[in-house]
Amino acid sequence: MPIYEYVCDSCGIRFERMQHMDEPPLTVCPECNGHVHRVFQPVGIIFKGSGFYVTDNRAKSSTSAPGPKKTDDSETRSKTNGKEESDE
């Protein structure tokens, strides 16, 4: 059975009730008989395993982020003994 959390609109108290999923939500505060509403809480979900995000540690694939850009060989010149080589 799930535990539902409620908040009273009049007095502001928060309380929990264990109810079947079939039961209608509570509408009356047990303290002041004011109107209450159900509070929805975020669910703690943990995705385990590889492949959920690009930043996960996984094997290289075609969908992975590109690596550092390589320089073009024609733009770089190798130096030999402190002198530049030339294409003669």
Protein backbone atom coordinates (compact mmCIF):
# COMPACT_ATOMS: atom_id res chain seq x y z
CA MET A 1 0.00 0.00 0.00
CA PRO A 2 1.38 3.42 -0.90
CA ILE A 3 1.81 6.21 1.63
CA TYR A 4 0.31 9.52 0.52
CA GLU A 5 1.25 12.93 1.94
CA TYR A 6 -1.42 15.59 2.50
CA VAL A 7 -1.33 19.30 3.40
CA CYS A 8 -4.15 21.23 5.03
CA ASP A 9 -5.07 24.51 3.32
CA SER A 10 -6.38 26.01 6.59
CA CYS A 11 -3.85 25.14 9.30
CA GLY A 12 -0.91 24.05 7.09
CA ILE A 13 -0.10 20.75 8.80
CA ARG A 14 1.44 17.96 6.76
CA PHE A 15 0.51 14.36 7.44
CA GLU A 16 0.77 10.97 5.78
CA ARG A 17 -1.80 8.24 5.32
CA MET A 18 -1.36 4.69 4.08
CA GLN A 19 -4.18 4.05 1.61
CA HIS A 20 -5.07 1.59 -1.10
CA MET A 21 -4.76 2.93 -4.62
CA ASP A 22 -8.51 2.35 -5.06
CA GLU A 23 -9.48 4.64 -2.16
CA PRO A 24 -10.46 8.24 -2.91
CA PRO A 25 -8.06 10.92 -1.60
CA LEU A 26 -8.77 12.52 1.78
CA THR A 27 -10.56 15.88 1.75
CA VAL A 28 -10.89 16.76 5.46
CA CYS A 29 -8.06 17.67 7.86
CA PRO A 30 -7.94 15.49 11.01
CA GLU A 31 -6.90 18.52 13.14
CA CYS A 32 -9.12 21.43 12.06
CA ASN A 33 -11.60 19.83 9.61
CA GLY A 34 -10.32 22.12 6.84
CA HIS A 35 -9.76 21.16 3.20
CA VAL A 36 -6.64 19.07 2.42
CA HIS A 37 -4.92 18.23 -0.83
CA ARG A 38 -2.47 15.50 -1.78
CA VAL A 39 1.19 16.48 -2.23
CA PHE A 40 3.02 14.81 -5.10
CA GLN A 41 6.64 14.00 -4.34
CA PRO A 42 9.39 13.39 -6.90
CA VAL A 43 10.29 9.76 -7.29
CA GLY A 44 13.90 8.76 -6.75
CA ILE A 45 14.89 6.88 -9.90
CA ILE A 46 18.45 5.74 -10.50
CA PHE A 47 19.32 4.51 -13.97
CA LYS A 48 22.08 1.92 -13.76
CA GLY A 49 24.00 0.54 -16.67
CA SER A 50 25.64 2.04 -19.71
CA GLY A 51 24.06 4.04 -22.46
CA PHE A 52 21.77 6.48 -20.70
CA TYR A 53 23.81 9.63 -21.29
CA VAL A 54 26.59 10.65 -23.68
CA THR A 55 28.83 11.42 -20.71
CA ASP A 56 28.59 7.88 -19.31
CA ASN A 57 31.68 5.72 -19.24
CA ARG A 58 31.15 3.36 -22.11
CA ALA A 59 32.84 1.97 -25.18
CA LYS A 60 33.55 4.32 -28.08
CA SER A 61 30.71 4.43 -30.57
CA SER A 62 29.55 6.50 -33.51
CA THR A 63 27.24 8.48 -31.22
CA SER A 64 29.98 9.56 -28.82
CA ALA A 65 31.16 13.17 -28.67
CA PRO A 66 33.90 14.10 -31.15
CA GLY A 67 37.47 14.24 -29.90
CA PRO A 68 39.91 17.14 -30.23
CA LYS A 69 40.32 18.52 -33.74
CA LYS A 70 43.49 17.40 -35.53
CA THR A 71 45.62 19.91 -37.42
CA ASP A 72 46.14 19.60 -41.16
CA ASP A 73 49.58 18.25 -42.23
CA SER A 74 49.96 20.93 -44.93
CA GLU A 75 49.78 23.69 -42.33
CA THR A 76 52.50 22.27 -40.12
CA ARG A 77 56.11 22.19 -41.16
CA SER A 78 58.70 20.02 -39.56
CA LYS A 79 61.98 21.55 -38.52
CA THR A 80 65.29 19.82 -38.97
CA ASN A 81 68.31 21.17 -37.11
CA GLY A 82 66.55 24.46 -36.45
CA LYS A 83 65.91 25.14 -40.17
CA GLU A 84 62.62 24.78 -42.02
CA GLU A 85 62.36 22.17 -44.75
CA SER A 86 61.25 23.40 -48.12
CA ASP A 87 59.64 21.56 -51.03
CA GLU A 88 62.07 22.11 -53.91
